PDB file of N, CA and C in Angstrom:
ATOM      1  N   LYS A   1       0.883  -1.323   0.047  1.00  0.00           N
ATOM      2  CA  LYS A   1      -0.084  -0.020  -0.139  1.00  0.00           C
ATOM      3  C   LYS A   1       0.885   1.161   0.074  1.00  0.00           C
ATOM      4  N   GLN A   2       2.054   1.160   0.662  1.00  0.00           N
ATOM      5  CA  GLN A   2       2.871   2.402   0.665  1.00  0.00           C
ATOM      6  C   GLN A   2       3.993   2.322  -0.382  1.00  0.00           C
ATOM      7  N   ARG A   3       3.937   1.334  -1.260  1.00  0.00           N
ATOM      8  CA  ARG A   3       4.979   1.264  -2.446  1.00  0.00           C
ATOM      9  C   ARG A   3       4.968   2.510  -3.176  1.00  0.00           C
ATOM     10  N   GLY A   4       6.111   3.212  -3.321  1.00  0.00           N
ATOM     11  CA  GLY A   4       6.274   4.323  -4.145  1.00  0.00           C
ATOM     12  C   GLY A   4       5.782   5.600  -3.416  1.00  0.00           C
ATOM     13  N   LYS A   5       5.359   5.502  -2.234  1.00  0.00           N
ATOM     14  CA  LYS A   5       4.893   6.651  -1.455  1.00  0.00           C
ATOM     15  C   LYS A   5       5.723   7.099  -0.281  1.00  0.00           C
ATOM     16  N   LEU A   6       6.671   6.347   0.196  1.00  0.00           N
ATOM     17  CA  LEU A   6       7.495   6.682   1.309  1.00  0.00           C
ATOM     18  C   LEU A   6       8.446   7.750   1.214  1.00  0.00           C
ATOM     19  N   PRO A   7       8.639   8.722   2.046  1.00  0.00           N
ATOM     20  CA  PRO A   7       9.544   9.917   1.842  1.00  0.00           C
ATOM     21  C   PRO A   7      11.007   9.235   2.039  1.00  0.00           C
ATOM     22  N   TRP A   8      11.933   9.998   1.395  1.00  0.00           N
ATOM     23  CA  TRP A   8      13.350   9.495   1.524  1.00  0.00           C
ATOM     24  C   TRP A   8      13.973   9.833   2.870  1.00  0.00           C
ATOM     25  N   PRO A   9      14.659   9.004   3.385  1.00  0.00           N
ATOM     26  CA  PRO A   9      15.404   9.238   4.726  1.00  0.00           C
ATOM     27  C   PRO A   9      16.127  10.501   4.869  1.00  0.00           C
ATOM     28  N   LEU A  10      16.840  10.918   3.696  1.00  0.00           N
ATOM     29  CA  LEU A  10      17.554  12.268   3.583  1.00  0.00           C
ATOM     30  C   LEU A  10      17.665  12.595   2.195  1.00  0.00           C
ATOM     31  N   LYS A  11      17.931  13.814   1.926  1.00  0.00           N
ATOM     32  CA  LYS A  11      18.133  14.286   0.637  1.00  0.00           C
ATOM     33  C   LYS A  11      19.620  14.146   0.317  1.00  0.00           C
ATOM     34  N   GLY A  12      19.853  13.200  -0.721  1.00  0.00           N
ATOM     35  CA  GLY A  12      21.173  12.875  -1.164  1.00  0.00           C
ATOM     36  C   GLY A  12      21.048  12.059  -2.394  1.00  0.00           C
ATOM     37  N   SER A  13      22.225  12.018  -3.239  1.00  0.00           N
ATOM     38  CA  SER A  13      22.198  11.157  -4.445  1.00  0.00           C
ATOM     39  C   SER A  13      22.365   9.709  -4.072  1.00  0.00           C
ATOM     40  N   VAL A  14      22.011   8.814  -4.937  1.00  0.00           N
ATOM     41  CA  VAL A  14      22.273   7.430  -4.755  1.00  0.00           C
ATOM     42  C   VAL A  14      23.614   7.100  -5.097  1.00  0.00           C
ATOM     43  N   LEU A  15      24.430   6.524  -4.164  1.00  0.00           N
ATOM     44  CA  LEU A  15      25.811   6.120  -4.386  1.00  0.00           C
ATOM     45  C   LEU A  15      25.835   4.623  -4.847  1.00  0.00           C
ATOM     46  N   HIS A  16      25.052   3.879  -4.314  1.00  0.00           N
ATOM     47  CA  HIS A  16      24.979   2.424  -4.679  1.00  0.00           C
ATOM     48  C   HIS A  16      23.523   2.012  -4.628  1.00  0.00           C
ATOM     49  N   ASN A  17      23.064   1.390  -5.648  1.00  0.00           N
ATOM     50  CA  ASN A  17      21.783   0.887  -5.726  1.00  0.00           C
ATOM     51  C   ASN A  17      21.636  -0.515  -5.089  1.00  0.00           C
ATOM     52  N   PHE A  18      20.409  -0.838  -4.789  1.00  0.00           N
ATOM     53  CA  PHE A  18      19.980  -2.271  -4.159  1.00  0.00           C
ATOM     54  C   PHE A  18      20.548  -3.202  -5.158  1.00  0.00           C
ATOM     55  N   GLY A  19      21.199  -4.266  -4.774  1.00  0.00           N
ATOM     56  CA  GLY A  19      21.655  -5.403  -5.594  1.00  0.00           C
ATOM     57  C   GLY A  19      22.849  -5.218  -6.475  1.00  0.00           C
ATOM     58  N   THR A  20      23.380  -4.056  -6.474  1.00  0.00           N
ATOM     59  CA  THR A  20      24.772  -3.933  -7.120  1.00  0.00           C
ATOM     60  C   THR A  20      25.729  -4.367  -6.085  1.00  0.00           C
ATOM     61  N   ARG A  21      26.968  -4.889  -6.844  1.00  0.00           N
ATOM     62  CA  ARG A  21      27.976  -5.623  -6.091  1.00  0.00           C
ATOM     63  C   ARG A  21      28.761  -4.744  -5.277  1.00  0.00           C
ATOM     64  N   GLN A  22      29.097  -5.169  -4.050  1.00  0.00           N
ATOM     65  CA  GLN A  22      30.022  -4.389  -3.268  1.00  0.00           C
ATOM     66  C   GLN A  22      31.380  -4.892  -3.559  1.00  0.00           C
ATOM     67  N   THR A  23      32.548  -4.062  -3.373  1.00  0.00           N
ATOM     68  CA  THR A  23      33.798  -4.460  -3.727  1.00  0.00           C
ATOM     69  C   THR A  23      34.088  -5.696  -3.023  1.00  0.00           C
ATOM     70  N   GLY A  24      34.362  -6.871  -3.774  1.00  0.00           N
ATOM     71  CA  GLY A  24      34.800  -8.125  -3.170  1.00  0.00           C
ATOM     72  C   GLY A  24      33.783  -8.730  -2.133  1.00  0.00           C
ATOM     73  N   GLN A  25      32.583  -8.296  -2.170  1.00  0.00           N
ATOM     74  CA  GLN A  25      31.721  -8.800  -1.230  1.00  0.00           C
ATOM     75  C   GLN A  25      30.335  -9.288  -1.940  1.00  0.00           C
ATOM     76  N   VAL A  26      29.412  -9.541  -1.102  1.00  0.00           N
ATOM     77  CA  VAL A  26      27.976  -9.894  -1.768  1.00  0.00           C
ATOM     78  C   VAL A  26      27.264  -8.684  -2.321  1.00  0.00           C
ATOM     79  N   ASN A  27      26.200  -8.819  -2.884  1.00  0.00           N
ATOM     80  CA  ASN A  27      25.417  -7.583  -3.282  1.00  0.00           C
ATOM     81  C   ASN A  27      24.748  -6.851  -2.214  1.00  0.00           C
ATOM     82  N   TRP A  28      24.575  -5.517  -2.528  1.00  0.00           N
ATOM     83  CA  TRP A  28      23.927  -4.712  -1.480  1.00  0.00           C
ATOM     84  C   TRP A  28      22.593  -5.262  -1.231  1.00  0.00           C
ATOM     85  N   LYS A  29      22.192  -5.224   0.056  1.00  0.00           N
ATOM     86  CA  LYS A  29      20.842  -5.515   0.417  1.00  0.00           C
ATOM     87  C   LYS A  29      19.940  -4.269   0.553  1.00  0.00           C
ATOM     88  N   GLY A  30      20.669  -3.089   0.519  1.00  0.00           N
ATOM     89  CA  GLY A  30      19.909  -1.854   0.713  1.00  0.00           C
ATOM     90  C   GLY A  30      20.482  -0.849  -0.313  1.00  0.00           C
ATOM     91  N   MET A  31      20.463   0.382  -0.071  1.00  0.00           N
ATOM     92  CA  MET A  31      21.011   1.443  -0.964  1.00  0.00           C
ATOM     93  C   MET A  31      21.880   2.446  -0.164  1.00  0.00           C
ATOM     94  N   VAL A  32      22.758   3.006  -0.758  1.00  0.00           N
ATOM     95  CA  VAL A  32      23.586   4.139  -0.058  1.00  0.00           C
ATOM     96  C   VAL A  32      23.418   5.289  -0.632  1.00  0.00           C
ATOM     97  N   LEU A  33      23.172   6.322   0.198  1.00  0.00           N
ATOM     98  CA  LEU A  33      22.823   7.704  -0.259  1.00  0.00           C
ATOM     99  C   LEU A  33      23.890   8.684   0.246  1.00  0.00           C
ATOM    100  N   SER A  34      24.331   9.504  -0.530  1.00  0.00           N
ATOM    101  CA  SER A  34      25.446  10.495  -0.182  1.00  0.00           C
ATOM    102  C   SER A  34      24.702  11.495   0.968  1.00  0.00           C
ATOM    103  N   ALA A  35      25.626  11.955   1.768  1.00  0.00           N
ATOM    104  CA  ALA A  35      25.047  12.713   2.809  1.00  0.00           C
ATOM    105  C   ALA A  35      26.258  13.765   3.268  1.00  0.00           C
ATOM    106  N   ASN A  36      25.851  14.727   4.100  1.00  0.00           N
ATOM    107  CA  ASN A  36      26.799  15.544   4.702  1.00  0.00           C
ATOM    108  C   ASN A  36      26.858  15.274   6.170  1.00  0.00           C
ATOM    109  N   TYR A  37      28.087  15.327   6.780  1.00  0.00           N
ATOM    110  CA  TYR A  37      28.173  14.976   8.350  1.00  0.00           C
ATOM    111  C   TYR A  37      27.227  15.837   9.009  1.00  0.00           C
ATOM    112  N   GLY A  38      26.524  15.043   9.889  1.00  0.00           N
ATOM    113  CA  GLY A  38      25.512  15.630  10.726  1.00  0.00           C
ATOM    114  C   GLY A  38      24.203  15.978  10.139  1.00  0.00           C
ATOM    115  N   GLN A  39      23.952  15.586   8.876  1.00  0.00           N
ATOM    116  CA  GLN A  39      22.706  15.806   8.068  1.00  0.00           C
ATOM    117  C   GLN A  39      21.741  14.882   8.909  1.00  0.00           C
ATOM    118  N   GLN A  40      20.387  15.363   9.015  1.00  0.00           N
ATOM    119  CA  GLN A  40      19.449  14.669   9.776  1.00  0.00           C
ATOM    120  C   GLN A  40      18.905  13.488   8.801  1.00  0.00           C
ATOM    121  N   VAL A  41      18.884  12.386   9.452  1.00  0.00           N
ATOM    122  CA  VAL A  41      18.307  11.121   9.105  1.00  0.00           C
ATOM    123  C   VAL A  41      16.948  10.818   9.608  1.00  0.00           C
ATOM    124  N   LYS A  42      15.840  10.770   8.702  1.00  0.00           N
ATOM    125  CA  LYS A  42      14.488  10.688   9.281  1.00  0.00           C
ATOM    126  C   LYS A  42      13.954   9.409   8.898  1.00  0.00           C
ATOM    127  N   ALA A  43      13.073   9.016   9.891  1.00  0.00           N
ATOM    128  CA  ALA A  43      12.266   7.819   9.755  1.00  0.00           C
ATOM    129  C   ALA A  43      11.350   7.842   8.448  1.00  0.00           C
ATOM    130  N   VAL A  44      11.138   6.782   7.701  1.00  0.00           N
ATOM    131  CA  VAL A  44      10.276   6.940   6.612  1.00  0.00           C
ATOM    132  C   VAL A  44       8.874   6.533   6.916  1.00  0.00           C
ATOM    133  N   TYR A  45       8.641   5.929   8.119  1.00  0.00           N
ATOM    134  CA  TYR A  45       7.279   5.491   8.311  1.00  0.00           C
ATOM    135  C   TYR A  45       7.179   5.400   9.925  1.00  0.00           C
ATOM    136  N   PRO A  46       6.112   5.480  10.440  1.00  0.00           N
ATOM    137  CA  PRO A  46       6.139   5.332  11.940  1.00  0.00           C
ATOM    138  C   PRO A  46       6.492   3.901  12.392  1.00  0.00           C
ATOM    139  N   GLY A  47       7.142   3.987  13.597  1.00  0.00           N
ATOM    140  CA  GLY A  47       7.455   2.647  14.030  1.00  0.00           C
ATOM    141  C   GLY A  47       8.217   2.770  15.526  1.00  0.00           C
ATOM    142  N   THR A  48       8.776   1.524  15.762  1.00  0.00           N
ATOM    143  CA  THR A  48       9.445   1.379  17.137  1.00  0.00           C
ATOM    144  C   THR A  48      10.778   1.081  16.958  1.00  0.00           C
ATOM    145  N   VAL A  49      11.771   1.836  17.653  1.00  0.00           N
ATOM    146  CA  VAL A  49      13.153   1.546  17.497  1.00  0.00           C
ATOM    147  C   VAL A  49      13.404   0.147  18.290  1.00  0.00           C
ATOM    148  N   VAL A  50      13.985  -0.795  17.446  1.00  0.00           N
ATOM    149  CA  VAL A  50      14.247  -2.112  18.171  1.00  0.00           C
ATOM    150  C   VAL A  50      15.896  -2.224  18.272  1.00  0.00           C
ATOM    151  N   PHE A  51      16.633  -1.502  17.643  1.00  0.00           N
ATOM    152  CA  PHE A  51      18.038  -1.541  17.736  1.00  0.00           C
ATOM    153  C   PHE A  51      18.576  -0.252  17.537  1.00  0.00           C
ATOM    154  N   ALA A  52      19.612   0.246  18.340  1.00  0.00           N
ATOM    155  CA  ALA A  52      20.062   1.489  18.149  1.00  0.00           C
ATOM    156  C   ALA A  52      21.511   1.480  18.767  1.00  0.00           C
ATOM    157  N   GLU A  53      22.548   1.045  17.959  1.00  0.00           N
ATOM    158  CA  GLU A  53      23.879   0.810  18.596  1.00  0.00           C
ATOM    159  C   GLU A  53      24.624   0.547  17.284  1.00  0.00           C
ATOM    160  N   TYR A  54      25.987   0.364  17.794  1.00  0.00           N
ATOM    161  CA  TYR A  54      26.990  -0.083  16.712  1.00  0.00           C
ATOM    162  C   TYR A  54      26.701  -1.437  16.190  1.00  0.00           C
ATOM    163  N   LEU A  55      26.854  -1.626  14.839  1.00  0.00           N
ATOM    164  CA  LEU A  55      26.820  -2.997  14.299  1.00  0.00           C
ATOM    165  C   LEU A  55      28.016  -3.100  13.206  1.00  0.00           C
ATOM    166  N   ARG A  56      28.784  -4.016  13.429  1.00  0.00           N
ATOM    167  CA  ARG A  56      29.990  -4.147  12.487  1.00  0.00           C
ATOM    168  C   ARG A  56      29.631  -4.155  11.034  1.00  0.00           C
ATOM    169  N   GLY A  57      30.329  -3.325  10.234  1.00  0.00           N
ATOM    170  CA  GLY A  57      30.187  -3.329   8.843  1.00  0.00           C
ATOM    171  C   GLY A  57      29.040  -2.169   8.502  1.00  0.00           C
ATOM    172  N   TYR A  58      28.189  -1.846   9.560  1.00  0.00           N
ATOM    173  CA  TYR A  58      27.261  -0.910   9.238  1.00  0.00           C
ATOM    174  C   TYR A  58      27.320   0.425  10.192  1.00  0.00           C
ATOM    175  N   GLY A  59      28.304   0.466  11.019  1.00  0.00           N
ATOM    176  CA  GLY A  59      28.486   1.508  11.839  1.00  0.00           C
ATOM    177  C   GLY A  59      27.417   1.808  12.928  1.00  0.00           C
ATOM    178  N   LEU A  60      27.115   3.039  13.280  1.00  0.00           N
ATOM    179  CA  LEU A  60      26.001   3.227  14.120  1.00  0.00           C
ATOM    180  C   LEU A  60      24.635   3.054  13.500  1.00  0.00           C
ATOM    181  N   VAL A  61      23.827   2.159  13.805  1.00  0.00           N
ATOM    182  CA  VAL A  61      22.652   1.786  13.137  1.00  0.00           C
ATOM    183  C   VAL A  61      21.351   2.008  14.009  1.00  0.00           C
ATOM    184  N   VAL A  62      20.206   2.546  13.292  1.00  0.00           N
ATOM    185  CA  VAL A  62      19.002   2.439  14.017  1.00  0.00           C
ATOM    186  C   VAL A  62      18.176   1.562  13.079  1.00  0.00           C
ATOM    187  N   LEU A  63      17.443   0.674  13.830  1.00  0.00           N
ATOM    188  CA  LEU A  63      16.525  -0.410  13.134  1.00  0.00           C
ATOM    189  C   LEU A  63      15.178  -0.056  13.682  1.00  0.00           C
ATOM    190  N   LEU A  64      14.153   0.076  12.679  1.00  0.00           N
ATOM    191  CA  LEU A  64      12.788   0.307  13.149  1.00  0.00           C
ATOM    192  C   LEU A  64      12.094  -0.759  12.721  1.00  0.00           C
ATOM    193  N   ASP A  65      11.052  -1.080  13.615  1.00  0.00           N
ATOM    194  CA  ASP A  65       9.937  -2.080  13.374  1.00  0.00           C
ATOM    195  C   ASP A  65       8.719  -1.286  13.173  1.00  0.00           C
ATOM    196  N   HIS A  66       8.100  -1.626  11.889  1.00  0.00           N
ATOM    197  CA  HIS A  66       6.830  -0.869  11.625  1.00  0.00           C
ATOM    198  C   HIS A  66       5.500  -1.828  11.741  1.00  0.00           C
ATOM    199  N   GLY A  67       5.866  -3.012  12.215  1.00  0.00           N
ATOM    200  CA  GLY A  67       4.722  -4.037  12.436  1.00  0.00           C
ATOM    201  C   GLY A  67       4.572  -4.725  11.111  1.00  0.00           C
ATOM    202  N   LYS A  68       3.792  -5.791  11.215  1.00  0.00           N
ATOM    203  CA  LYS A  68       3.472  -6.569  10.079  1.00  0.00           C
ATOM    204  C   LYS A  68       4.679  -7.220   9.226  1.00  0.00           C
ATOM    205  N   GLY A  69       5.922  -7.308   9.890  1.00  0.00           N
ATOM    206  CA  GLY A  69       6.979  -7.827   9.409  1.00  0.00           C
ATOM    207  C   GLY A  69       7.752  -6.899   8.520  1.00  0.00           C
ATOM    208  N   ASP A  70       7.415  -5.639   8.523  1.00  0.00           N
ATOM    209  CA  ASP A  70       8.189  -4.462   7.881  1.00  0.00           C
ATOM    210  C   ASP A  70       9.249  -3.854   8.819  1.00  0.00           C
ATOM    211  N   MET A  71      10.430  -3.733   8.395  1.00  0.00           N
ATOM    212  CA  MET A  71      11.439  -3.029   9.145  1.00  0.00           C
ATOM    213  C   MET A  71      12.360  -2.196   8.193  1.00  0.00           C
ATOM    214  N   THR A  72      12.838  -1.044   8.785  1.00  0.00           N
ATOM    215  CA  THR A  72      13.861  -0.260   8.121  1.00  0.00           C
ATOM    216  C   THR A  72      15.090  -0.155   8.855  1.00  0.00           C
ATOM    217  N   LEU A  73      16.183  -0.201   8.124  1.00  0.00           N
ATOM    218  CA  LEU A  73      17.536   0.014   8.816  1.00  0.00           C
ATOM    219  C   LEU A  73      18.321   1.163   8.257  1.00  0.00           C
ATOM    220  N   TYR A  74      18.906   1.833   9.226  1.00  0.00           N
ATOM    221  CA  TYR A  74      19.534   3.327   8.657  1.00  0.00           C
ATOM    222  C   TYR A  74      20.952   3.094   9.301  1.00  0.00           C
ATOM    223  N   GLY A  75      22.051   3.027   8.467  1.00  0.00           N
ATOM    224  CA  GLY A  75      23.375   2.673   8.946  1.00  0.00           C
ATOM    225  C   GLY A  75      24.338   3.792   8.646  1.00  0.00           C
ATOM    226  N   TYR A  76      25.573   3.770   8.979  1.00  0.00           N
ATOM    227  CA  TYR A  76      26.920   4.625   8.764  1.00  0.00           C
ATOM    228  C   TYR A  76      26.657   5.893   9.512  1.00  0.00           C
ATOM    229  N   ASN A  77      25.715   5.988  10.595  1.00  0.00           N
ATOM    230  CA  ASN A  77      25.421   7.371  11.116  1.00  0.00           C
ATOM    231  C   ASN A  77      26.622   7.778  12.095  1.00  0.00           C
ATOM    232  N   GLN A  78      26.768   9.011  12.319  1.00  0.00           N
ATOM    233  CA  GLN A  78      27.649   9.620  13.279  1.00  0.00           C
ATOM    234  C   GLN A  78      27.219   9.674  14.710  1.00  0.00           C
ATOM    235  N   ALA A  79      25.877   9.738  14.718  1.00  0.00           N
ATOM    236  CA  ALA A  79      25.164   9.774  16.022  1.00  0.00           C
ATOM    237  C   ALA A  79      23.700   9.423  15.867  1.00  0.00           C
ATOM    238  N   LEU A  80      23.255   8.893  16.939  1.00  0.00           N
ATOM    239  CA  LEU A  80      21.868   8.377  17.139  1.00  0.00           C
ATOM    240  C   LEU A  80      21.143   9.124  17.990  1.00  0.00           C
ATOM    241  N   THR A  81      19.827   9.575  17.514  1.00  0.00           N
ATOM    242  CA  THR A  81      19.008  10.411  18.369  1.00  0.00           C
ATOM    243  C   THR A  81      18.008   9.830  19.073  1.00  0.00           C
ATOM    244  N   LYS A  82      17.842   8.444  18.923  1.00  0.00           N
ATOM    245  CA  LYS A  82      16.787   7.633  19.534  1.00  0.00           C
ATOM    246  C   LYS A  82      17.476   6.415  20.100  1.00  0.00           C
ATOM    247  N   LYS A  83      16.673   5.918  21.046  1.00  0.00           N
ATOM    248  CA  LYS A  83      17.203   4.587  21.783  1.00  0.00           C
ATOM    249  C   LYS A  83      16.190   3.621  21.696  1.00  0.00           C
ATOM    250  N   GLU A  84      16.636   2.367  21.895  1.00  0.00           N
ATOM    251  CA  GLU A  84      15.736   1.126  21.843  1.00  0.00           C
ATOM    252  C   GLU A  84      14.476   1.337  22.643  1.00  0.00           C
ATOM    253  N   GLY A  85      13.149   1.053  22.111  1.00  0.00           N
ATOM    254  CA  GLY A  85      12.134   1.296  22.721  1.00  0.00           C
ATOM    255  C   GLY A  85      11.307   2.473  22.486  1.00  0.00           C
ATOM    256  N   ASP A  86      11.961   3.588  21.744  1.00  0.00           N
ATOM    257  CA  ASP A  86      11.413   4.816  21.468  1.00  0.00           C
ATOM    258  C   ASP A  86      10.503   4.566  20.286  1.00  0.00           C
ATOM    259  N   LYS A  87       9.358   5.289  20.309  1.00  0.00           N
ATOM    260  CA  LYS A  87       8.335   5.159  19.272  1.00  0.00           C
ATOM    261  C   LYS A  87       8.671   6.599  18.398  1.00  0.00           C
ATOM    262  N   VAL A  88       8.557   6.290  17.045  1.00  0.00           N
ATOM    263  CA  VAL A  88       8.848   7.555  16.209  1.00  0.00           C
ATOM    264  C   VAL A  88       7.734   7.616  15.199  1.00  0.00           C
ATOM    265  N   THR A  89       7.702   8.947  14.659  1.00  0.00           N
ATOM    266  CA  THR A  89       6.717   9.262  13.721  1.00  0.00           C
ATOM    267  C   THR A  89       7.463   9.314  12.289  1.00  0.00           C
ATOM    268  N   ALA A  90       6.722   9.178  11.184  1.00  0.00           N
ATOM    269  CA  ALA A  90       7.381   9.528   9.838  1.00  0.00           C
ATOM    270  C   ALA A  90       7.982  10.953   9.861  1.00  0.00           C
ATOM    271  N   GLY A  91       9.170  11.213   9.295  1.00  0.00           N
ATOM    272  CA  GLY A  91       9.710  12.332   9.388  1.00  0.00           C
ATOM    273  C   GLY A  91      10.472  12.743  10.535  1.00  0.00           C
ATOM    274  N   GLU A  92      10.266  11.880  11.506  1.00  0.00           N
ATOM    275  CA  GLU A  92      11.051  12.263  12.738  1.00  0.00           C
ATOM    276  C   GLU A  92      12.654  11.947  12.641  1.00  0.00           C
ATOM    277  N   VAL A  93      13.546  12.825  13.123  1.00  0.00           N
ATOM    278  CA  VAL A  93      14.854  12.693  13.160  1.00  0.00           C
ATOM    279  C   VAL A  93      15.384  11.515  14.051  1.00  0.00           C
ATOM    280  N   ILE A  94      16.018  10.562  13.599  1.00  0.00           N
ATOM    281  CA  ILE A  94      16.318   9.354  14.256  1.00  0.00           C
ATOM    282  C   ILE A  94      17.882   9.144  14.477  1.00  0.00           C
ATOM    283  N   ALA A  95      18.652   9.997  13.550  1.00  0.00           N
ATOM    284  CA  ALA A  95      20.108   9.951  13.552  1.00  0.00           C
ATOM    285  C   ALA A  95      20.661  11.021  12.752  1.00  0.00           C
ATOM    286  N   LEU A  96      22.077  11.216  12.925  1.00  0.00           N
ATOM    287  CA  LEU A  96      22.707  12.226  12.208  1.00  0.00           C
ATOM    288  C   LEU A  96      23.728  11.320  11.300  1.00  0.00           C
ATOM    289  N   ALA A  97      23.789  11.816   9.970  1.00  0.00           N
ATOM    290  CA  ALA A  97      24.600  10.883   9.010  1.00  0.00           C
ATOM    291  C   ALA A  97      26.220  11.140   9.240  1.00  0.00           C
ATOM    292  N   GLY A  98      26.848  10.082   8.898  1.00  0.00           N
ATOM    293  CA  GLY A  98      28.255  10.078   9.272  1.00  0.00           C
ATOM    294  C   GLY A  98      28.914   9.066   8.364  1.00  0.00           C
ATOM    295  N   ASP A  99      30.097   8.638   8.813  1.00  0.00           N
ATOM    296  CA  ASP A  99      30.912   7.690   7.933  1.00  0.00           C
ATOM    297  C   ASP A  99      31.396   6.542   8.891  1.00  0.00           C
ATOM    298  N   THR A 100      30.583   6.103   9.956  1.00  0.00           N
ATOM    299  CA  THR A 100      30.997   4.948  10.702  1.00  0.00           C
ATOM    300  C   THR A 100      30.678   3.766   9.772  1.00  0.00           C
ATOM    301  N   GLY A 101      31.274   2.621  10.156  1.00  0.00           N
ATOM    302  CA  GLY A 101      31.166   1.370   9.354  1.00  0.00           C
ATOM    303  C   GLY A 101      32.338   1.349   8.369  1.00  0.00           C
ATOM    304  N   GLY A 102      33.304   2.246   8.483  1.00  0.00           N
ATOM    305  CA  GLY A 102      34.418   2.134   7.422  1.00  0.00           C
ATOM    306  C   GLY A 102      34.198   2.741   6.200  1.00  0.00           C
ATOM    307  N   GLN A 103      33.191   3.789   6.047  1.00  0.00           N
ATOM    308  CA  GLN A 103      33.080   4.464   4.898  1.00  0.00           C
ATOM    309  C   GLN A 103      34.199   5.571   4.688  1.00  0.00           C
ATOM    310  N   ASP A 104      34.486   5.803   3.331  1.00  0.00           N
ATOM    311  CA  ASP A 104      35.401   7.026   3.099  1.00  0.00           C
ATOM    312  C   ASP A 104      34.764   8.328   2.995  1.00  0.00           C
ATOM    313  N   ARG A 105      33.486   8.385   2.970  1.00  0.00           N
ATOM    314  CA  ARG A 105      32.698   9.666   2.942  1.00  0.00           C
ATOM    315  C   ARG A 105      31.529   9.459   3.713  1.00  0.00           C
ATOM    316  N   PRO A 106      30.841  10.588   4.191  1.00  0.00           N
ATOM    317  CA  PRO A 106      29.474  10.560   4.954  1.00  0.00           C
ATOM    318  C   PRO A 106      28.504  10.007   3.842  1.00  0.00           C
ATOM    319  N   SER A 107      27.742   8.997   4.336  1.00  0.00           N
ATOM    320  CA  SER A 107      26.649   8.460   3.598  1.00  0.00           C
ATOM    321  C   SER A 107      25.618   7.728   4.575  1.00  0.00           C
ATOM    322  N   LEU A 108      24.479   7.450   3.914  1.00  0.00           N
ATOM    323  CA  LEU A 108      23.528   6.710   4.768  1.00  0.00           C
ATOM    324  C   LEU A 108      23.173   5.428   4.043  1.00  0.00           C
ATOM    325  N   TYR A 109      23.382   4.320   4.787  1.00  0.00           N
ATOM    326  CA  TYR A 109      23.022   2.921   4.377  1.00  0.00           C
ATOM    327  C   TYR A 109      21.623   2.748   4.550  1.00  0.00           C
ATOM    328  N   PHE A 110      20.662   2.557   3.812  1.00  0.00           N
ATOM    329  CA  PHE A 110      19.248   2.443   4.037  1.00  0.00           C
ATOM    330  C   PHE A 110      18.683   0.967   3.463  1.00  0.00           C
ATOM    331  N   GLU A 111      17.993   0.405   4.187  1.00  0.00           N
ATOM    332  CA  GLU A 111      17.447  -0.919   3.865  1.00  0.00           C
ATOM    333  C   GLU A 111      16.102  -1.070   4.459  1.00  0.00           C
ATOM    334  N   ILE A 112      15.287  -1.633   3.396  1.00  0.00           N
ATOM    335  CA  ILE A 112      13.837  -1.991   3.789  1.00  0.00           C
ATOM    336  C   ILE A 112      13.647  -3.548   3.722  1.00  0.00           C
ATOM    337  N   ARG A 113      13.050  -4.038   4.885  1.00  0.00           N
ATOM    338  CA  ARG A 113      12.899  -5.606   4.971  1.00  0.00           C
ATOM    339  C   ARG A 113      11.326  -5.757   5.141  1.00  0.00           C
ATOM    340  N   ARG A 114      10.902  -6.826   4.485  1.00  0.00           N
ATOM    341  CA  ARG A 114       9.444  -7.294   4.656  1.00  0.00           C
ATOM    342  C   ARG A 114       9.569  -8.792   4.931  1.00  0.00           C
ATOM    343  N   ASN A 115       9.231  -9.132   6.066  1.00  0.00           N
ATOM    344  CA  ASN A 115       9.361 -10.500   6.445  1.00  0.00           C
ATOM    345  C   ASN A 115      10.730 -11.057   6.331  1.00  0.00           C
ATOM    346  N   SER A 116      11.807 -10.197   6.789  1.00  0.00           N
ATOM    347  CA  SER A 116      13.164 -10.602   6.668  1.00  0.00           C
ATOM    348  C   SER A 116      13.767 -10.492   5.297  1.00  0.00           C
ATOM    349  N   GLU A 117      13.028 -10.407   4.260  1.00  0.00           N
ATOM    350  CA  GLU A 117      13.497 -10.270   2.904  1.00  0.00           C
ATOM    351  C   GLU A 117      13.962  -8.951   2.594  1.00  0.00           C
ATOM    352  N   ALA A 118      15.029  -8.635   2.043  1.00  0.00           N
ATOM    353  CA  ALA A 118      15.398  -7.323   1.596  1.00  0.00           C
ATOM    354  C   ALA A 118      14.615  -6.893   0.451  1.00  0.00           C
ATOM    355  N   GLN A 119      14.012  -5.655   0.383  1.00  0.00           N
ATOM    356  CA  GLN A 119      13.277  -5.097  -0.650  1.00  0.00           C
ATOM    357  C   GLN A 119      14.182  -3.956  -1.425  1.00  0.00           C
ATOM    358  N   ASN A 120      13.861  -3.689  -2.536  1.00  0.00           N
ATOM    359  CA  ASN A 120      14.601  -2.644  -3.382  1.00  0.00           C
ATOM    360  C   ASN A 120      13.886  -1.335  -2.655  1.00  0.00           C
ATOM    361  N   PRO A 121      14.527  -0.461  -2.020  1.00  0.00           N
ATOM    362  CA  PRO A 121      14.081   0.724  -1.528  1.00  0.00           C
ATOM    363  C   PRO A 121      13.548   1.627  -2.445  1.00  0.00           C
ATOM    364  N   LYS A 122      14.129   1.730  -3.634  1.00  0.00           N
ATOM    365  CA  LYS A 122      13.748   2.690  -4.656  1.00  0.00           C
ATOM    366  C   LYS A 122      12.308   2.366  -5.083  1.00  0.00           C
ATOM    367  N   SER A 123      11.781   1.177  -5.005  1.00  0.00           N
ATOM    368  CA  SER A 123      10.266   0.775  -5.397  1.00  0.00           C
ATOM    369  C   SER A 123       9.404   1.244  -4.294  1.00  0.00           C
ATOM    370  N   TRP A 124       9.933   1.659  -3.061  1.00  0.00           N
ATOM    371  CA  TRP A 124       9.129   2.024  -2.051  1.00  0.00           C
ATOM    372  C   TRP A 124       9.064   3.563  -1.729  1.00  0.00           C
ATOM    373  N   LEU A 125      10.258   4.238  -2.243  1.00  0.00           N
ATOM    374  CA  LEU A 125      10.335   5.634  -2.032  1.00  0.00           C
ATOM    375  C   LEU A 125       9.807   6.393  -3.082  1.00  0.00           C
ATOM    376  N   LYS A 126       9.213   7.580  -2.747  1.00  0.00           N
ATOM    377  CA  LYS A 126       8.694   8.473  -3.692  1.00  0.00           C
ATOM    378  C   LYS A 126       9.812   8.787  -4.996  1.00  0.00           C
ATOM    379  N   ARG A 127       9.324   8.810  -6.053  1.00  0.00           N
ATOM    380  CA  ARG A 127      10.220   9.072  -7.250  1.00  0.00           C
ATOM    381  C   ARG A 127      10.645  10.470  -7.214  1.00  0.00           C
TER     382      ARG A 127
END
């Protein structure tokens, strides 16, 4: 129902699309958006924070549970503004973009999962 209607988590160009190959690794399960240090990262849909800490390879991560098996993951942040258990609304600031997780420039890793299956975020976000 929300396909093609969700707001982008931040304004930035797409550095890596869903499904493209990472250097010497498996394919991306999400997308990477360019960002500025400290740029506000916003929830794309109302939900509950179920994880808000460092995750190897993804840096500082916020994971939101939207119910009915839908989740969004926001990684590479320099700071998190929410903690586990917090309820958030769409458009609420949940983190500040950065380069944690070994990135050479500030960016946002964004993933959408439905029943644990990675989805192409581009098909869910507003064109």
